[in-house]
PDB file of N, CA and C in Angstrom:
ATOM      1  N   MET A   1     150.661 154.891 112.975  1.00  0.00           N
ATOM      2  CA  MET A   1     150.687 153.464 112.982  1.00  0.00           C
ATOM      3  C   MET A   1     149.288 152.889 112.917  1.00  0.00           C
ATOM      4  N   GLN A   2     149.170 151.772 112.216  1.00  0.00           N
ATOM      5  CA  GLN A   2     147.794 151.187 112.116  1.00  0.00           C
ATOM      6  C   GLN A   2     147.538 150.330 113.310  1.00  0.00           C
ATOM      7  N   SER A   3     146.267 150.339 113.626  1.00  0.00           N
ATOM      8  CA  SER A   3     145.917 149.479 114.738  1.00  0.00           C
ATOM      9  C   SER A   3     145.737 148.022 114.347  1.00  0.00           C
ATOM     10  N   GLY A   4     145.652 147.078 115.235  1.00  0.00           N
ATOM     11  CA  GLY A   4     145.552 145.652 114.976  1.00  0.00           C
ATOM     12  C   GLY A   4     144.363 145.330 114.098  1.00  0.00           C
ATOM     13  N   GLY A   5     143.192 146.049 114.269  1.00  0.00           N
ATOM     14  CA  GLY A   5     142.026 145.789 113.468  1.00  0.00           C
ATOM     15  C   GLY A   5     142.241 146.135 112.038  1.00  0.00           C
ATOM     16  N   ASN A   6     142.943 147.271 111.751  1.00  0.00           N
ATOM     17  CA  ASN A   6     143.140 147.716 110.394  1.00  0.00           C
ATOM     18  C   ASN A   6     144.101 146.657 109.647  1.00  0.00           C
ATOM     19  N   ILE A   7     145.122 146.209 110.361  1.00  0.00           N
ATOM     20  CA  ILE A   7     146.019 145.220 109.748  1.00  0.00           C
ATOM     21  C   ILE A   7     145.269 143.940 109.463  1.00  0.00           C
ATOM     22  N   GLU A   8     144.420 143.562 110.399  1.00  0.00           N
ATOM     23  CA  GLU A   8     143.647 142.342 110.184  1.00  0.00           C
ATOM     24  C   GLU A   8     142.707 142.446 108.998  1.00  0.00           C
ATOM     25  N   ARG A   9     142.016 143.655 108.796  1.00  0.00           N
ATOM     26  CA  ARG A   9     141.169 143.847 107.663  1.00  0.00           C
ATOM     27  C   ARG A   9     141.967 143.880 106.391  1.00  0.00           C
ATOM     28  N   LEU A  10     143.097 144.485 106.429  1.00  0.00           N
ATOM     29  CA  LEU A  10     143.967 144.543 105.277  1.00  0.00           C
ATOM     30  C   LEU A  10     144.426 143.123 104.843  1.00  0.00           C
ATOM     31  N   CYS A  11     144.842 142.271 105.774  1.00  0.00           N
ATOM     32  CA  CYS A  11     145.257 140.940 105.489  1.00  0.00           C
ATOM     33  C   CYS A  11     144.059 140.118 104.968  1.00  0.00           C
ATOM     34  N   HIS A  12     142.906 140.316 105.565  1.00  0.00           N
ATOM     35  CA  HIS A  12     141.706 139.594 105.068  1.00  0.00           C
ATOM     36  C   HIS A  12     141.402 140.014 103.579  1.00  0.00           C
ATOM     37  N   GLN A  13     141.472 141.318 103.262  1.00  0.00           N
ATOM     38  CA  GLN A  13     141.150 141.848 101.979  1.00  0.00           C
ATOM     39  C   GLN A  13     142.156 141.275 100.953  1.00  0.00           C
ATOM     40  N   ARG A  14     143.407 141.274 101.329  1.00  0.00           N
ATOM     41  CA  ARG A  14     144.470 140.690 100.434  1.00  0.00           C
ATOM     42  C   ARG A  14     144.245 139.150 100.155  1.00  0.00           C
ATOM     43  N   SER A  15     143.841 138.474 101.231  1.00  0.00           N
ATOM     44  CA  SER A  15     143.557 137.040 101.071  1.00  0.00           C
ATOM     45  C   SER A  15     142.438 136.832 100.095  1.00  0.00           C
ATOM     46  N   VAL A  16     141.341 137.606 100.289  1.00  0.00           N
ATOM     47  CA  VAL A  16     140.217 137.527  99.379  1.00  0.00           C
ATOM     48  C   VAL A  16     140.663 137.852  97.927  1.00  0.00           C
ATOM     49  N   ASN A  17     141.482 138.848  97.738  1.00  0.00           N
ATOM     50  CA  ASN A  17     141.947 139.186  96.378  1.00  0.00           C
ATOM     51  C   ASN A  17     142.755 138.020  95.816  1.00  0.00           C
ATOM     52  N   ILE A  18     143.620 137.444  96.610  1.00  0.00           N
ATOM     53  CA  ILE A  18     144.441 136.275  96.084  1.00  0.00           C
ATOM     54  C   ILE A  18     143.545 135.134  95.689  1.00  0.00           C
ATOM     55  N   VAL A  19     142.574 134.753  96.505  1.00  0.00           N
ATOM     56  CA  VAL A  19     141.695 133.625  96.146  1.00  0.00           C
ATOM     57  C   VAL A  19     140.868 134.011  94.901  1.00  0.00           C
ATOM     58  N   ASP A  20     140.403 135.214  94.816  1.00  0.00           N
ATOM     59  CA  ASP A  20     139.672 135.628  93.578  1.00  0.00           C
ATOM     60  C   ASP A  20     140.525 135.544  92.306  1.00  0.00           C
ATOM     61  N   HIS A  21     141.812 135.958  92.414  1.00  0.00           N
ATOM     62  CA  HIS A  21     142.716 135.886  91.352  1.00  0.00           C
ATOM     63  C   HIS A  21     142.989 134.392  90.903  1.00  0.00           C
ATOM     64  N   LEU A  22     143.190 133.548  91.891  1.00  0.00           N
ATOM     65  CA  LEU A  22     143.415 132.150  91.685  1.00  0.00           C
ATOM     66  C   LEU A  22     142.179 131.492  90.928  1.00  0.00           C
ATOM     67  N   GLY A  23     140.986 131.857  91.400  1.00  0.00           N
ATOM     68  CA  GLY A  23     139.783 131.393  90.732  1.00  0.00           C
ATOM     69  C   GLY A  23     139.644 131.815  89.298  1.00  0.00           C
ATOM     70  N   SER A  24     140.054 133.029  89.055  1.00  0.00           N
ATOM     71  CA  SER A  24     140.036 133.600  87.668  1.00  0.00           C
ATOM     72  C   SER A  24     141.039 132.921  86.772  1.00  0.00           C
ATOM     73  N   VAL A  25     142.250 132.610  87.303  1.00  0.00           N
ATOM     74  CA  VAL A  25     143.295 131.947  86.523  1.00  0.00           C
ATOM     75  C   VAL A  25     142.824 130.532  86.270  1.00  0.00           C
ATOM     76  N   THR A  26     142.228 129.878  87.262  1.00  0.00           N
ATOM     77  CA  THR A  26     141.723 128.521  87.079  1.00  0.00           C
ATOM     78  C   THR A  26     140.740 128.437  85.913  1.00  0.00           C
ATOM     79  N   CYS A  27     139.775 129.358  85.916  1.00  0.00           N
ATOM     80  CA  CYS A  27     138.781 129.389  84.777  1.00  0.00           C
ATOM     81  C   CYS A  27     139.497 129.535  83.424  1.00  0.00           C
ATOM     82  N   LYS A  28     140.514 130.385  83.365  1.00  0.00           N
ATOM     83  CA  LYS A  28     141.180 130.624  82.098  1.00  0.00           C
ATOM     84  C   LYS A  28     141.971 129.431  81.665  1.00  0.00           C
ATOM     85  N   VAL A  29     142.420 128.625  82.580  1.00  0.00           N
ATOM     86  CA  VAL A  29     143.172 127.391  82.249  1.00  0.00           C
ATOM     87  C   VAL A  29     142.193 126.271  81.936  1.00  0.00           C
ATOM     88  N   ASN A  30     141.136 126.134  82.726  1.00  0.00           N
ATOM     89  CA  ASN A  30     140.223 124.978  82.534  1.00  0.00           C
ATOM     90  C   ASN A  30     139.423 125.046  81.302  1.00  0.00           C
ATOM     91  N   ASP A  31     138.973 126.223  80.823  1.00  0.00           N
ATOM     92  CA  ASP A  31     138.074 126.325  79.644  1.00  0.00           C
ATOM     93  C   ASP A  31     138.869 125.724  78.388  1.00  0.00           C
ATOM     94  N   PRO A  32     140.027 126.242  78.090  1.00  0.00           N
ATOM     95  CA  PRO A  32     140.684 125.648  76.926  1.00  0.00           C
ATOM     96  C   PRO A  32     141.052 124.164  77.139  1.00  0.00           C
ATOM     97  N   LEU A  33     141.361 123.816  78.348  1.00  0.00           N
ATOM     98  CA  LEU A  33     141.702 122.326  78.683  1.00  0.00           C
ATOM     99  C   LEU A  33     140.469 121.470  78.463  1.00  0.00           C
ATOM    100  N   ASP A  34     139.305 121.933  78.885  1.00  0.00           N
ATOM    101  CA  ASP A  34     138.080 121.182  78.651  1.00  0.00           C
ATOM    102  C   ASP A  34     137.819 121.004  77.167  1.00  0.00           C
ATOM    103  N   ALA A  35     138.050 122.037  76.368  1.00  0.00           N
ATOM    104  CA  ALA A  35     137.830 121.951  74.924  1.00  0.00           C
ATOM    105  C   ALA A  35     138.797 120.885  74.274  1.00  0.00           C
ATOM    106  N   LYS A  36     140.069 120.879  74.774  1.00  0.00           N
ATOM    107  CA  LYS A  36     140.961 119.898  74.252  1.00  0.00           C
ATOM    108  C   LYS A  36     140.512 118.503  74.636  1.00  0.00           C
ATOM    109  N   VAL A  37     140.034 118.295  75.859  1.00  0.00           N
ATOM    110  CA  VAL A  37     139.628 116.999  76.331  1.00  0.00           C
ATOM    111  C   VAL A  37     138.458 116.528  75.442  1.00  0.00           C
ATOM    112  N   ASP A  38     137.552 117.429  75.063  1.00  0.00           N
ATOM    113  CA  ASP A  38     136.440 117.123  74.166  1.00  0.00           C
ATOM    114  C   ASP A  38     136.914 116.632  72.756  1.00  0.00           C
ATOM    115  N   GLU A  39     137.958 117.424  72.276  1.00  0.00           N
ATOM    116  CA  GLU A  39     138.562 117.026  70.955  1.00  0.00           C
ATOM    117  C   GLU A  39     139.156 115.657  71.033  1.00  0.00           C
ATOM    118  N   VAL A  40     139.900 115.325  72.090  1.00  0.00           N
ATOM    119  CA  VAL A  40     140.476 114.001  72.232  1.00  0.00           C
ATOM    120  C   VAL A  40     139.418 112.945  72.348  1.00  0.00           C
ATOM    121  N   SER A  41     138.345 113.198  73.020  1.00  0.00           N
ATOM    122  CA  SER A  41     137.267 112.247  73.177  1.00  0.00           C
ATOM    123  C   SER A  41     136.639 111.917  71.801  1.00  0.00           C
ATOM    124  N   ASP A  42     136.422 112.982  71.018  1.00  0.00           N
ATOM    125  CA  ASP A  42     135.851 112.841  69.684  1.00  0.00           C
ATOM    126  C   ASP A  42     136.814 111.977  68.788  1.00  0.00           C
ATOM    127  N   ALA A  43     138.061 112.275  68.882  1.00  0.00           N
ATOM    128  CA  ALA A  43     139.050 111.555  68.118  1.00  0.00           C
ATOM    129  C   ALA A  43     139.088 110.074  68.511  1.00  0.00           C
ATOM    130  N   GLU A  44     139.002 109.817  69.778  1.00  0.00           N
ATOM    131  CA  GLU A  44     138.964 108.430  70.298  1.00  0.00           C
ATOM    132  C   GLU A  44     137.761 107.708  69.767  1.00  0.00           C
ATOM    133  N   HIS A  45     136.625 108.379  69.679  1.00  0.00           N
ATOM    134  CA  HIS A  45     135.358 107.763  69.132  1.00  0.00           C
ATOM    135  C   HIS A  45     135.530 107.431  67.676  1.00  0.00           C
ATOM    136  N   ARG A  46     136.171 108.354  66.879  1.00  0.00           N
ATOM    137  CA  ARG A  46     136.391 108.089  65.480  1.00  0.00           C
ATOM    138  C   ARG A  46     137.342 106.952  65.320  1.00  0.00           C
ATOM    139  N   VAL A  47     138.363 106.842  66.070  1.00  0.00           N
ATOM    140  CA  VAL A  47     139.293 105.748  66.004  1.00  0.00           C
ATOM    141  C   VAL A  47     138.610 104.387  66.350  1.00  0.00           C
ATOM    142  N   SER A  48     137.770 104.420  67.343  1.00  0.00           N
ATOM    143  CA  SER A  48     137.029 103.300  67.793  1.00  0.00           C
ATOM    144  C   SER A  48     136.149 102.790  66.600  1.00  0.00           C
ATOM    145  N   CYS A  49     135.476 103.684  65.950  1.00  0.00           N
ATOM    146  CA  CYS A  49     134.626 103.326  64.854  1.00  0.00           C
ATOM    147  C   CYS A  49     135.426 102.730  63.689  1.00  0.00           C
ATOM    148  N   MET A  50     136.567 103.321  63.428  1.00  0.00           N
ATOM    149  CA  MET A  50     137.423 102.770  62.399  1.00  0.00           C
ATOM    150  C   MET A  50     137.928 101.342  62.731  1.00  0.00           C
ATOM    151  N   ASN A  51     138.354 101.149  64.003  1.00  0.00           N
ATOM    152  CA  ASN A  51     138.754  99.895  64.449  1.00  0.00           C
ATOM    153  C   ASN A  51     137.621  98.854  64.307  1.00  0.00           C
ATOM    154  N   SER A  52     136.443  99.171  64.663  1.00  0.00           N
ATOM    155  CA  SER A  52     135.264  98.313  64.527  1.00  0.00           C
ATOM    156  C   SER A  52     135.046  97.913  63.066  1.00  0.00           C
ATOM    157  N   LEU A  53     135.131  98.920  62.209  1.00  0.00           N
ATOM    158  CA  LEU A  53     134.990  98.664  60.745  1.00  0.00           C
ATOM    159  C   LEU A  53     136.093  97.748  60.231  1.00  0.00           C
ATOM    160  N   GLY A  54     137.279  97.945  60.657  1.00  0.00           N
ATOM    161  CA  GLY A  54     138.416  97.104  60.264  1.00  0.00           C
ATOM    162  C   GLY A  54     138.197  95.693  60.779  1.00  0.00           C
ATOM    163  N   LYS A  55     137.800  95.517  61.965  1.00  0.00           N
ATOM    164  CA  LYS A  55     137.536  94.162  62.522  1.00  0.00           C
ATOM    165  C   LYS A  55     136.426  93.501  61.762  1.00  0.00           C
ATOM    166  N   TYR A  56     135.361  94.220  61.517  1.00  0.00           N
ATOM    167  CA  TYR A  56     134.241  93.630  60.762  1.00  0.00           C
ATOM    168  C   TYR A  56     134.673  93.151  59.373  1.00  0.00           C
ATOM    169  N   ILE A  57     135.376  94.030  58.667  1.00  0.00           N
ATOM    170  CA  ILE A  57     135.788  93.604  57.318  1.00  0.00           C
ATOM    171  C   ILE A  57     136.826  92.507  57.421  1.00  0.00           C
ATOM    172  N   GLY A  58     137.700  92.543  58.368  1.00  0.00           N
ATOM    173  CA  GLY A  58     138.672  91.485  58.565  1.00  0.00           C
ATOM    174  C   GLY A  58     138.023  90.170  58.867  1.00  0.00           C
ATOM    175  N   SER A  59     136.954  90.183  59.612  1.00  0.00           N
ATOM    176  CA  SER A  59     136.251  88.918  59.915  1.00  0.00           C
ATOM    177  C   SER A  59     135.568  88.357  58.694  1.00  0.00           C
ATOM    178  N   LEU A  60     135.030  89.296  57.865  1.00  0.00           N
ATOM    179  CA  LEU A  60     134.453  88.813  56.610  1.00  0.00           C
ATOM    180  C   LEU A  60     135.459  88.170  55.664  1.00  0.00           C
ATOM    181  N   GLU A  61     136.639  88.811  55.611  1.00  0.00           N
ATOM    182  CA  GLU A  61     137.685  88.330  54.725  1.00  0.00           C
ATOM    183  C   GLU A  61     138.148  86.957  55.256  1.00  0.00           C
ATOM    184  N   SER A  62     138.399  86.830  56.581  1.00  0.00           N
ATOM    185  CA  SER A  62     138.968  85.602  57.087  1.00  0.00           C
ATOM    186  C   SER A  62     137.954  84.446  57.076  1.00  0.00           C
ATOM    187  N   SER A  63     136.685  84.733  57.147  1.00  0.00           N
ATOM    188  CA  SER A  63     135.660  83.667  57.178  1.00  0.00           C
ATOM    189  C   SER A  63     135.317  83.258  55.759  1.00  0.00           C
ATOM    190  N   GLY A  64     135.771  83.985  54.716  1.00  0.00           N
ATOM    191  CA  GLY A  64     135.433  83.633  53.342  1.00  0.00           C
ATOM    192  C   GLY A  64     134.100  84.139  52.943  1.00  0.00           C
ATOM    193  N   ASN A  65     133.396  84.947  53.818  1.00  0.00           N
ATOM    194  CA  ASN A  65     132.116  85.449  53.451  1.00  0.00           C
ATOM    195  C   ASN A  65     132.168  86.670  52.513  1.00  0.00           C
ATOM    196  N   MET A  66     133.382  87.134  52.212  1.00  0.00           N
ATOM    197  CA  MET A  66     133.482  88.293  51.395  1.00  0.00           C
ATOM    198  C   MET A  66     133.609  87.883  49.891  1.00  0.00           C
ATOM    199  N   ARG A  67     132.551  87.410  49.355  1.00  0.00           N
ATOM    200  CA  ARG A  67     132.498  87.042  47.931  1.00  0.00           C
ATOM    201  C   ARG A  67     132.228  88.294  47.157  1.00  0.00           C
ATOM    202  N   LYS A  68     132.234  88.082  45.814  1.00  0.00           N
ATOM    203  CA  LYS A  68     132.000  89.190  44.916  1.00  0.00           C
ATOM    204  C   LYS A  68     130.667  89.858  45.182  1.00  0.00           C
ATOM    205  N   ARG A  69     129.662  89.045  45.387  1.00  0.00           N
ATOM    206  CA  ARG A  69     128.274  89.564  45.590  1.00  0.00           C
ATOM    207  C   ARG A  69     128.193  90.318  46.903  1.00  0.00           C
ATOM    208  N   ASN A  70     128.925  89.942  47.939  1.00  0.00           N
ATOM    209  CA  ASN A  70     128.882  90.614  49.163  1.00  0.00           C
ATOM    210  C   ASN A  70     129.760  91.850  49.204  1.00  0.00           C
ATOM    211  N   ASN A  71     130.656  91.926  48.280  1.00  0.00           N
ATOM    212  CA  ASN A  71     131.544  93.032  48.212  1.00  0.00           C
ATOM    213  C   ASN A  71     130.856  94.395  48.154  1.00  0.00           C
ATOM    214  N   THR A  72     129.677  94.396  47.480  1.00  0.00           N
ATOM    215  CA  THR A  72     128.916  95.645  47.349  1.00  0.00           C
ATOM    216  C   THR A  72     128.362  96.078  48.716  1.00  0.00           C
ATOM    217  N   SER A  73     127.835  95.175  49.463  1.00  0.00           N
ATOM    218  CA  SER A  73     127.265  95.571  50.764  1.00  0.00           C
ATOM    219  C   SER A  73     128.385  96.019  51.755  1.00  0.00           C
ATOM    220  N   VAL A  74     129.509  95.337  51.689  1.00  0.00           N
ATOM    221  CA  VAL A  74     130.627  95.724  52.489  1.00  0.00           C
ATOM    222  C   VAL A  74     131.120  97.116  52.086  1.00  0.00           C
ATOM    223  N   GLN A  75     131.209  97.352  50.786  1.00  0.00           N
ATOM    224  CA  GLN A  75     131.663  98.651  50.337  1.00  0.00           C
ATOM    225  C   GLN A  75     130.661  99.781  50.713  1.00  0.00           C
ATOM    226  N   SER A  76     129.387  99.446  50.699  1.00  0.00           N
ATOM    227  CA  SER A  76     128.334 100.392  51.117  1.00  0.00           C
ATOM    228  C   SER A  76     128.509 100.681  52.604  1.00  0.00           C
ATOM    229  N   PHE A  77     128.689  99.648  53.383  1.00  0.00           N
ATOM    230  CA  PHE A  77     128.894  99.861  54.773  1.00  0.00           C
ATOM    231  C   PHE A  77     130.146 100.713  55.091  1.00  0.00           C
ATOM    232  N   ALA A  78     131.205 100.470  54.321  1.00  0.00           N
ATOM    233  CA  ALA A  78     132.450 101.206  54.488  1.00  0.00           C
ATOM    234  C   ALA A  78     132.206 102.665  54.122  1.00  0.00           C
ATOM    235  N   ASN A  79     131.447 102.871  53.116  1.00  0.00           N
ATOM    236  CA  ASN A  79     131.174 104.244  52.649  1.00  0.00           C
ATOM    237  C   ASN A  79     130.301 104.996  53.718  1.00  0.00           C
ATOM    238  N   ILE A  80     129.317 104.324  54.310  1.00  0.00           N
ATOM    239  CA  ILE A  80     128.511 104.965  55.349  1.00  0.00           C
ATOM    240  C   ILE A  80     129.390 105.311  56.538  1.00  0.00           C
ATOM    241  N   MET A  81     130.261 104.429  56.948  1.00  0.00           N
ATOM    242  CA  MET A  81     131.139 104.644  58.037  1.00  0.00           C
ATOM    243  C   MET A  81     132.024 105.890  57.744  1.00  0.00           C
ATOM    244  N   THR A  82     132.576 105.931  56.520  1.00  0.00           N
ATOM    245  CA  THR A  82     133.422 107.059  56.148  1.00  0.00           C
ATOM    246  C   THR A  82     132.716 108.364  56.219  1.00  0.00           C
ATOM    247  N   ILE A  83     131.484 108.389  55.736  1.00  0.00           N
ATOM    248  CA  ILE A  83     130.662 109.608  55.784  1.00  0.00           C
ATOM    249  C   ILE A  83     130.453 109.959  57.273  1.00  0.00           C
ATOM    250  N   HIS A  84     130.069 109.001  58.056  1.00  0.00           N
ATOM    251  CA  HIS A  84     129.808 109.257  59.446  1.00  0.00           C
ATOM    252  C   HIS A  84     131.002 109.779  60.170  1.00  0.00           C
ATOM    253  N   LEU A  85     132.210 109.283  59.893  1.00  0.00           N
ATOM    254  CA  LEU A  85     133.427 109.728  60.493  1.00  0.00           C
ATOM    255  C   LEU A  85     133.798 111.180  59.980  1.00  0.00           C
ATOM    256  N   ASN A  86     133.497 111.461  58.748  1.00  0.00           N
ATOM    257  CA  ASN A  86     133.789 112.737  58.237  1.00  0.00           C
ATOM    258  C   ASN A  86     132.887 113.853  58.807  1.00  0.00           C
ATOM    259  N   ILE A  87     131.666 113.443  59.098  1.00  0.00           N
ATOM    260  CA  ILE A  87     130.731 114.416  59.618  1.00  0.00           C
ATOM    261  C   ILE A  87     131.189 114.915  61.057  1.00  0.00           C
ATOM    262  N   TYR A  88     131.759 113.972  61.808  1.00  0.00           N
ATOM    263  CA  TYR A  88     132.176 114.269  63.173  1.00  0.00           C
ATOM    264  C   TYR A  88     133.657 114.654  63.247  1.00  0.00           C
ATOM    265  N   ALA A  89     134.318 114.837  62.135  1.00  0.00           N
ATOM    266  CA  ALA A  89     135.768 115.195  62.116  1.00  0.00           C
ATOM    267  C   ALA A  89     135.928 116.607  62.418  1.00  0.00           C
TER     268      ALA A  89
END
């Protein structure tokens, strides 16, 4: 029969093993989750940029400032934004 001290040490060691295992499982879950959170954050940034571009072009169209001569600069701006968004895609 085991003495009280041996049982206590065994329980302590089992508790340490359980906590260690839970820490290991937490790391295995958190690492992929953090990567997905970063992906979502990048996607939100791209959507925000596209919304800003749409609002800018919409304001030009509604104010009548989008004349034929300005069309080139708006198209250049749209091309730059498209390139920027594709770089971070």
